[in-house]
């Protein structure tokens, strides 16, 4: 009698998804710091730079969300594993 042991291991997040998700942190943090600099100095350059940083953070977050949705639908085992 032979025993088979079928183990399915859930793989972690895809590296591209991880980089996109981690890339949002410095961009949103920079946005917060630029908003603080604008509130103390009232130089319009800080508001403009904050809006560009916010746009970059939203693009990275959107790409991370897109990767997560694609990964969800491509996964073979869709049951919840805790």
Protein backbone atom coordinates (compact mmCIF):
# COMPACT_ATOMS: atom_id res chain seq x y z
CA UNK A 1 0.00 0.00 0.00
CA UNK A 2 1.40 3.37 -0.96
CA UNK A 3 0.41 6.58 0.67
CA UNK A 4 0.26 9.75 -1.27
CA UNK A 5 0.53 13.08 0.36
CA UNK A 6 -0.83 15.84 -1.80
CA UNK A 7 -0.04 19.20 -0.29
CA UNK A 8 -1.03 22.39 -1.91
CA UNK A 9 0.97 25.39 -0.91
CA UNK A 10 -0.40 28.83 -1.44
CA UNK A 11 2.16 30.99 -3.08
CA UNK A 12 2.68 34.53 -1.84
CA UNK A 13 1.91 37.67 -3.74
CA UNK A 14 3.49 38.11 -7.13
CA UNK A 15 6.65 40.26 -6.97
CA UNK A 16 5.19 42.87 -9.34
CA UNK A 17 2.11 43.16 -7.15
CA UNK A 18 4.29 43.54 -4.07
CA UNK A 19 6.43 46.27 -5.64
CA UNK A 20 3.40 48.21 -6.82
CA UNK A 21 1.75 47.97 -3.42
CA UNK A 22 4.92 48.96 -1.56
CA UNK A 23 5.54 51.81 -4.00
CA UNK A 24 2.43 53.62 -2.85
CA UNK A 25 3.77 54.19 0.67
CA UNK A 26 6.56 56.68 -0.11
CA UNK A 27 4.40 58.48 -2.65
CA UNK A 28 1.51 59.01 -0.25
CA UNK A 29 3.93 59.89 2.54
CA UNK A 30 5.57 62.46 0.25
CA UNK A 31 2.14 63.86 -0.53
CA UNK A 32 1.45 64.30 3.16
CA UNK A 33 4.80 66.02 3.72
CA UNK A 34 4.26 68.33 0.73
CA UNK A 35 0.82 69.27 2.05
CA UNK A 36 2.39 70.10 5.39
CA UNK A 37 5.07 72.21 3.67
CA UNK A 38 2.36 74.03 1.72
CA UNK A 39 0.36 74.74 4.86
CA UNK A 40 3.38 76.32 6.54
CA UNK A 41 4.87 78.27 3.59
CA UNK A 42 1.96 78.79 1.13
CA UNK A 43 4.27 78.29 -1.87
CA UNK A 44 2.22 76.91 -4.74
CA UNK A 45 5.05 74.59 -5.77
CA UNK A 46 4.28 72.34 -2.81
CA UNK A 47 0.63 71.96 -3.78
CA UNK A 48 1.58 71.12 -7.37
CA UNK A 49 4.21 68.61 -6.28
CA UNK A 50 1.77 67.03 -3.83
CA UNK A 51 -0.79 66.54 -6.59
CA UNK A 52 1.82 64.81 -8.79
CA UNK A 53 2.86 62.54 -5.94
CA UNK A 54 -0.78 61.73 -5.24
CA UNK A 55 -1.32 60.85 -8.90
CA UNK A 56 1.71 58.53 -8.84
CA UNK A 57 0.46 56.83 -5.68
CA UNK A 58 -2.97 56.30 -7.20
CA UNK A 59 -1.45 54.82 -10.36
CA UNK A 60 0.67 52.40 -8.32
CA UNK A 61 -2.34 51.44 -6.20
CA UNK A 62 -4.44 50.92 -9.32
CA UNK A 63 -1.82 48.64 -10.84
CA UNK A 64 -1.59 46.68 -7.58
CA UNK A 65 -5.38 46.30 -7.54
CA UNK A 66 -5.36 45.18 -11.16
CA UNK A 67 -2.67 42.57 -10.38
CA UNK A 68 -4.70 41.35 -7.40
CA UNK A 69 -7.85 40.96 -9.50
CA UNK A 70 -5.98 39.12 -12.25
CA UNK A 71 -4.32 36.89 -9.66
CA UNK A 72 -7.68 36.10 -8.10
CA UNK A 73 -9.25 34.99 -11.35
CA UNK A 74 -6.16 33.06 -12.48
CA UNK A 75 -5.83 31.11 -9.25
CA UNK A 76 -6.76 27.48 -9.53
CA UNK A 77 -7.82 27.01 -5.94
CA UNK A 78 -10.30 29.71 -5.02
CA UNK A 79 -11.30 28.46 -1.61
CA UNK A 80 -10.33 30.47 1.43
CA UNK A 81 -7.32 29.16 3.31
CA UNK A 82 -6.69 30.47 6.78
